[in-house]
Each structure stands twice: as structure tokens, then as C-alpha cells.
Amino acid sequence: MVKIFHNGINYETKTKFKKYFKELIYNRIGKCNSVKNKSIDLFNELDILLKRHPEYEVHTNNMKDIKIITNRTNKKALECLVIYNDNNTESISWKHAYEGKLPTKLKYLD
């Protein structure tokens, strides 16, 4: 059984951790141009979760904020965009963050 300990809470399964992550992004934050402006506490909570992303340091170097938008290819999904100091943006996968790993090369071929 997979157990994930995060922020003082023990999640018995990856599914329960994913549910917590998704609840934060879809319901507590929602679509917005600035998570920081919406709530600094929500920004900090999301940032802590995104630190599980295997390439967090690469994606967040010079980050000033996070934006939540509708995914361009899946209109039912939300996407996290890192906003850099120069106002450029780049997507960071919240799914890779909750999994704590990148997909295998085979998944990229699908």
C-alpha cells in the first residue's frame, strides 16, 4: 500500500492524495490570473505541493506567481502556469507533482 505523508497528513493512497490536490486546484483556487492575489495561503499551499514535481527547481526559477487556466487541449481540465519575473509563463504539471515523477518515455510516445 502506498502512503504519502504531506504537510502533517498521512494519505493512505495516491488516489486520496490526488483528490486533495485536485480539490485545492479545482475548488479552493479555481481559474484565476494570480493565485497570490487570490490568497497567499493558497499560493503557499500549492507551491508546497508543486515542490513534489521532479523538475520543480527548473520550472520555478524566477517564479513570481502561479496562474490557473483551462487546459487548451482538454477543456474540462485545469492547468497551472508559472508566471516568471519577466511575465512569461510556462506550464507545470500538477499531475507530475502529485505522482512525484515524470511519465516514462513510452507514455510520451502514446
N, C-alpha and C. Protein backbone atom coordinates (compact mmCIF):
# COMPACT_ATOMS: atom_id res chain seq x y z
N MET A 1 0.85 -1.19 0.00
CA MET A 1 0.00 0.00 0.00
C MET A 1 0.88 1.25 0.00
N VAL A 2 0.57 2.17 -0.87
CA VAL A 2 1.31 3.43 -0.98
C VAL A 2 0.78 4.40 0.06
N LYS A 3 1.69 4.97 0.84
CA LYS A 3 1.30 6.01 1.78
C LYS A 3 2.10 7.26 1.46
N ILE A 4 1.41 8.38 1.46
CA ILE A 4 2.07 9.65 1.19
C ILE A 4 1.87 10.53 2.42
N PHE A 5 2.97 10.99 2.98
CA PHE A 5 2.92 11.90 4.11
C PHE A 5 3.22 13.29 3.58
N HIS A 6 2.25 14.19 3.74
CA HIS A 6 2.42 15.54 3.23
C HIS A 6 1.82 16.55 4.19
N ASN A 7 2.64 17.53 4.56
CA ASN A 7 2.17 18.66 5.36
C ASN A 7 1.45 18.21 6.64
N GLY A 8 1.99 17.18 7.29
CA GLY A 8 1.44 16.70 8.55
C GLY A 8 0.26 15.75 8.41
N ILE A 9 -0.10 15.40 7.17
CA ILE A 9 -1.22 14.50 6.94
C ILE A 9 -0.73 13.25 6.23
N ASN A 10 -1.21 12.09 6.68
CA ASN A 10 -0.85 10.83 6.07
C ASN A 10 -1.97 10.39 5.13
N TYR A 11 -1.68 10.34 3.84
CA TYR A 11 -2.65 9.89 2.84
C TYR A 11 -2.41 8.41 2.58
N GLU A 12 -3.42 7.60 2.80
CA GLU A 12 -3.29 6.15 2.70
C GLU A 12 -3.01 5.67 1.27
N THR A 13 -3.50 6.41 0.29
CA THR A 13 -3.31 6.01 -1.10
C THR A 13 -2.98 7.22 -1.96
N LYS A 14 -2.42 6.95 -3.13
CA LYS A 14 -2.15 8.02 -4.09
C LYS A 14 -3.46 8.67 -4.54
N THR A 15 -4.52 7.87 -4.63
CA THR A 15 -5.82 8.37 -5.05
C THR A 15 -6.34 9.42 -4.08
N LYS A 16 -6.18 9.17 -2.77
CA LYS A 16 -6.64 10.15 -1.77
C LYS A 16 -5.80 11.42 -1.83
N PHE A 17 -4.50 11.28 -2.08
CA PHE A 17 -3.64 12.45 -2.21
C PHE A 17 -4.01 13.24 -3.46
N LYS A 18 -4.28 12.55 -4.57
CA LYS A 18 -4.70 13.20 -5.80
C LYS A 18 -6.00 13.97 -5.58
N LYS A 19 -6.93 13.37 -4.83
CA LYS A 19 -8.21 14.01 -4.55
C LYS A 19 -7.99 15.32 -3.79
N TYR A 20 -7.08 15.30 -2.81
CA TYR A 20 -6.74 16.51 -2.06
C TYR A 20 -6.15 17.58 -2.98
N PHE A 21 -5.21 17.17 -3.83
CA PHE A 21 -4.54 18.07 -4.77
C PHE A 21 -5.56 18.68 -5.73
N LYS A 22 -6.43 17.84 -6.29
CA LYS A 22 -7.44 18.29 -7.25
C LYS A 22 -8.45 19.23 -6.58
N GLU A 23 -8.84 18.92 -5.36
CA GLU A 23 -9.76 19.78 -4.60
C GLU A 23 -9.16 21.18 -4.43
N LEU A 24 -7.88 21.23 -4.14
CA LEU A 24 -7.21 22.52 -3.97
C LEU A 24 -7.26 23.32 -5.27
N ILE A 25 -6.88 22.69 -6.38
CA ILE A 25 -6.79 23.41 -7.65
C ILE A 25 -8.17 23.74 -8.23
N TYR A 26 -9.07 22.77 -8.25
CA TYR A 26 -10.36 22.96 -8.93
C TYR A 26 -11.38 23.71 -8.08
N ASN A 27 -11.41 23.44 -6.79
CA ASN A 27 -12.48 24.01 -5.95
C ASN A 27 -12.03 25.17 -5.06
N ARG A 28 -10.89 25.02 -4.42
CA ARG A 28 -10.47 26.08 -3.49
C ARG A 28 -9.82 27.25 -4.20
N ILE A 29 -9.07 26.97 -5.28
CA ILE A 29 -8.45 28.06 -6.04
C ILE A 29 -9.29 28.38 -7.27
N GLY A 30 -9.47 27.42 -8.16
CA GLY A 30 -10.22 27.66 -9.39
C GLY A 30 -9.41 28.47 -10.39
N LYS A 31 -10.04 28.77 -11.53
CA LYS A 31 -9.36 29.55 -12.56
C LYS A 31 -9.10 30.95 -12.03
N CYS A 32 -7.86 31.41 -12.21
CA CYS A 32 -7.52 32.76 -11.78
C CYS A 32 -6.20 33.19 -12.44
N ASN A 33 -6.03 34.49 -12.57
CA ASN A 33 -4.81 35.03 -13.17
C ASN A 33 -3.66 35.15 -12.18
N SER A 34 -3.98 35.08 -10.88
CA SER A 34 -2.95 35.20 -9.85
C SER A 34 -3.41 34.48 -8.60
N VAL A 35 -2.75 33.37 -8.30
CA VAL A 35 -3.08 32.64 -7.07
C VAL A 35 -2.66 33.48 -5.87
N LYS A 36 -1.53 34.18 -5.99
CA LYS A 36 -1.07 35.04 -4.89
C LYS A 36 -2.10 36.11 -4.54
N ASN A 37 -2.68 36.73 -5.58
CA ASN A 37 -3.68 37.78 -5.32
C ASN A 37 -4.96 37.20 -4.74
N LYS A 38 -5.28 35.98 -5.13
CA LYS A 38 -6.48 35.34 -4.59
C LYS A 38 -6.30 35.03 -3.11
N SER A 39 -5.15 34.43 -2.77
CA SER A 39 -4.85 34.10 -1.38
C SER A 39 -3.40 33.65 -1.27
N ILE A 40 -2.63 34.37 -0.47
CA ILE A 40 -1.23 33.99 -0.28
C ILE A 40 -1.14 32.61 0.39
N ASP A 41 -2.10 32.27 1.23
CA ASP A 41 -2.09 30.95 1.87
C ASP A 41 -2.31 29.84 0.85
N LEU A 42 -3.23 30.05 -0.10
CA LEU A 42 -3.46 29.07 -1.16
C LEU A 42 -2.24 28.96 -2.07
N PHE A 43 -1.61 30.12 -2.36
CA PHE A 43 -0.39 30.11 -3.16
C PHE A 43 0.68 29.26 -2.48
N ASN A 44 0.89 29.49 -1.19
CA ASN A 44 1.92 28.75 -0.46
C ASN A 44 1.60 27.26 -0.40
N GLU A 45 0.33 26.92 -0.22
CA GLU A 45 -0.08 25.52 -0.18
C GLU A 45 0.17 24.84 -1.54
N LEU A 46 -0.20 25.53 -2.62
CA LEU A 46 0.03 24.98 -3.95
C LEU A 46 1.53 24.86 -4.23
N ASP A 47 2.30 25.86 -3.85
CA ASP A 47 3.74 25.82 -4.08
C ASP A 47 4.39 24.64 -3.34
N ILE A 48 3.97 24.39 -2.12
CA ILE A 48 4.50 23.24 -1.37
C ILE A 48 4.17 21.95 -2.10
N LEU A 49 2.96 21.83 -2.63
CA LEU A 49 2.59 20.63 -3.38
C LEU A 49 3.39 20.50 -4.66
N LEU A 50 3.59 21.61 -5.36
CA LEU A 50 4.33 21.55 -6.61
C LEU A 50 5.80 21.20 -6.40
N LYS A 51 6.31 21.38 -5.20
CA LYS A 51 7.69 21.00 -4.90
C LYS A 51 7.92 19.50 -5.06
N ARG A 52 6.86 18.73 -5.11
CA ARG A 52 6.98 17.29 -5.35
C ARG A 52 7.31 17.00 -6.83
N HIS A 53 7.11 17.99 -7.70
CA HIS A 53 7.41 17.81 -9.13
C HIS A 53 8.90 17.55 -9.29
N PRO A 54 9.29 16.52 -10.05
CA PRO A 54 10.70 16.18 -10.19
C PRO A 54 11.56 17.28 -10.82
N GLU A 55 10.94 18.20 -11.54
CA GLU A 55 11.69 19.31 -12.15
C GLU A 55 11.23 20.65 -11.59
N TYR A 56 10.83 20.65 -10.33
CA TYR A 56 10.33 21.86 -9.68
C TYR A 56 11.32 23.02 -9.80
N GLU A 57 12.58 22.78 -9.48
CA GLU A 57 13.58 23.85 -9.48
C GLU A 57 13.73 24.47 -10.88
N VAL A 58 13.69 23.63 -11.90
CA VAL A 58 13.82 24.11 -13.28
C VAL A 58 12.61 24.99 -13.65
N HIS A 59 11.42 24.53 -13.30
CA HIS A 59 10.18 25.24 -13.68
C HIS A 59 9.94 26.51 -12.87
N THR A 60 10.47 26.58 -11.66
CA THR A 60 10.10 27.68 -10.78
C THR A 60 11.22 28.69 -10.54
N ASN A 61 12.35 28.54 -11.21
CA ASN A 61 13.42 29.52 -11.07
C ASN A 61 12.91 30.87 -11.59
N ASN A 62 12.97 31.90 -10.77
CA ASN A 62 12.47 33.25 -11.07
C ASN A 62 10.94 33.32 -11.13
N MET A 63 10.27 32.42 -10.42
CA MET A 63 8.80 32.44 -10.38
C MET A 63 8.33 33.58 -9.48
N LYS A 64 7.29 34.28 -9.94
CA LYS A 64 6.69 35.31 -9.09
C LYS A 64 5.25 34.97 -8.71
N ASP A 65 4.60 34.09 -9.47
CA ASP A 65 3.20 33.77 -9.19
C ASP A 65 2.82 32.51 -9.96
N ILE A 66 1.59 32.07 -9.75
CA ILE A 66 1.01 30.93 -10.47
C ILE A 66 -0.37 31.34 -10.96
N LYS A 67 -0.67 30.93 -12.16
CA LYS A 67 -1.96 31.23 -12.80
C LYS A 67 -2.63 29.89 -13.08
N ILE A 68 -3.95 29.81 -12.89
CA ILE A 68 -4.71 28.59 -13.20
C ILE A 68 -5.64 28.90 -14.38
N ILE A 69 -5.48 28.11 -15.45
CA ILE A 69 -6.29 28.32 -16.66
C ILE A 69 -6.94 27.00 -17.09
N THR A 70 -7.88 27.12 -18.02
CA THR A 70 -8.44 25.93 -18.65
C THR A 70 -7.39 25.37 -19.59
N ASN A 71 -7.17 24.07 -19.53
CA ASN A 71 -6.21 23.41 -20.41
C ASN A 71 -6.66 23.57 -21.86
N ARG A 72 -5.72 23.88 -22.73
CA ARG A 72 -6.06 24.15 -24.14
C ARG A 72 -6.54 22.92 -24.89
N THR A 73 -6.04 21.75 -24.53
CA THR A 73 -6.42 20.53 -25.26
C THR A 73 -7.54 19.75 -24.58
N ASN A 74 -7.70 19.92 -23.28
CA ASN A 74 -8.77 19.25 -22.54
C ASN A 74 -9.55 20.32 -21.79
N LYS A 75 -10.63 20.77 -22.36
CA LYS A 75 -11.40 21.90 -21.82
C LYS A 75 -12.02 21.62 -20.44
N LYS A 76 -12.03 20.36 -20.01
CA LYS A 76 -12.56 20.03 -18.69
C LYS A 76 -11.48 20.08 -17.62
N ALA A 77 -10.22 20.22 -18.04
CA ALA A 77 -9.10 20.18 -17.11
C ALA A 77 -8.55 21.58 -16.85
N LEU A 78 -7.96 21.74 -15.67
CA LEU A 78 -7.27 22.99 -15.34
C LEU A 78 -5.76 22.76 -15.39
N GLU A 79 -5.06 23.82 -15.69
CA GLU A 79 -3.61 23.76 -15.88
C GLU A 79 -2.96 24.85 -15.03
N CYS A 80 -1.83 24.53 -14.42
CA CYS A 80 -1.06 25.51 -13.65
C CYS A 80 0.02 26.12 -14.54
N LEU A 81 0.06 27.44 -14.57
CA LEU A 81 1.11 28.14 -15.30
C LEU A 81 1.96 28.92 -14.31
N VAL A 82 3.26 28.73 -14.39
CA VAL A 82 4.18 29.52 -13.59
C VAL A 82 4.34 30.87 -14.29
N ILE A 83 4.23 31.94 -13.53
CA ILE A 83 4.47 33.28 -14.06
C ILE A 83 5.85 33.71 -13.56
N TYR A 84 6.72 34.02 -14.51
CA TYR A 84 8.08 34.41 -14.17
C TYR A 84 8.19 35.92 -13.96
N ASN A 85 9.31 36.34 -13.42
CA ASN A 85 9.53 37.77 -13.16
C ASN A 85 9.42 38.62 -14.41
N ASP A 86 9.72 38.05 -15.58
CA ASP A 86 9.61 38.81 -16.84
C ASP A 86 8.22 38.69 -17.48
N ASN A 87 7.26 38.10 -16.72
CA ASN A 87 5.86 37.91 -17.11
C ASN A 87 5.63 36.81 -18.15
N ASN A 88 6.67 36.12 -18.58
CA ASN A 88 6.48 34.93 -19.41
C ASN A 88 5.86 33.85 -18.54
N THR A 89 5.20 32.89 -19.18
CA THR A 89 4.58 31.79 -18.44
C THR A 89 5.02 30.46 -19.01
N GLU A 90 4.93 29.43 -18.15
CA GLU A 90 5.24 28.06 -18.55
C GLU A 90 4.38 27.11 -17.73
N SER A 91 3.88 26.10 -18.39
CA SER A 91 3.05 25.11 -17.71
C SER A 91 3.90 24.24 -16.80
N ILE A 92 3.34 23.91 -15.64
CA ILE A 92 3.94 22.92 -14.74
C ILE A 92 2.84 21.92 -14.41
N SER A 93 3.12 20.66 -14.60
CA SER A 93 2.11 19.62 -14.43
C SER A 93 1.84 19.32 -12.96
N TRP A 94 0.62 19.61 -12.51
CA TRP A 94 0.27 19.26 -11.14
C TRP A 94 0.15 17.75 -11.01
N LYS A 95 -0.14 17.05 -12.11
CA LYS A 95 -0.23 15.59 -12.08
C LYS A 95 1.14 14.97 -11.84
N HIS A 96 2.18 15.52 -12.46
CA HIS A 96 3.53 15.02 -12.20
C HIS A 96 3.93 15.31 -10.76
N ALA A 97 3.43 16.42 -10.23
CA ALA A 97 3.75 16.78 -8.85
C ALA A 97 3.12 15.82 -7.86
N TYR A 98 1.84 15.48 -8.05
CA TYR A 98 1.24 14.56 -7.07
C TYR A 98 1.81 13.16 -7.21
N GLU A 99 2.20 12.77 -8.43
CA GLU A 99 2.83 11.47 -8.62
C GLU A 99 4.28 11.47 -8.14
N GLY A 100 4.90 12.64 -8.14
CA GLY A 100 6.28 12.75 -7.71
C GLY A 100 7.28 12.24 -8.74
N LYS A 101 6.83 12.07 -9.98
CA LYS A 101 7.72 11.58 -11.03
C LYS A 101 7.20 12.01 -12.38
N LEU A 102 8.09 11.95 -13.37
CA LEU A 102 7.71 12.24 -14.75
C LEU A 102 7.23 10.96 -15.41
N PRO A 103 6.40 11.06 -16.45
CA PRO A 103 5.99 9.84 -17.15
C PRO A 103 7.19 9.21 -17.85
N THR A 104 7.08 7.91 -18.09
CA THR A 104 8.15 7.22 -18.80
C THR A 104 8.18 7.67 -20.25
N LYS A 105 9.27 7.40 -20.93
CA LYS A 105 9.39 7.78 -22.34
C LYS A 105 8.32 7.10 -23.16
N LEU A 106 7.88 5.91 -22.77
CA LEU A 106 6.83 5.22 -23.51
C LEU A 106 5.53 6.00 -23.48
N LYS A 107 5.21 6.65 -22.36
CA LYS A 107 3.98 7.44 -22.28
C LYS A 107 4.03 8.62 -23.23
N TYR A 108 5.22 9.18 -23.45
CA TYR A 108 5.34 10.30 -24.37
C TYR A 108 5.08 9.86 -25.81
N LEU A 109 5.27 8.60 -26.10
CA LEU A 109 5.07 8.09 -27.46
C LEU A 109 3.60 7.82 -27.76
N ASP A 110 2.77 7.73 -26.74
CA ASP A 110 1.34 7.44 -26.95
C ASP A 110 0.63 8.53 -27.72
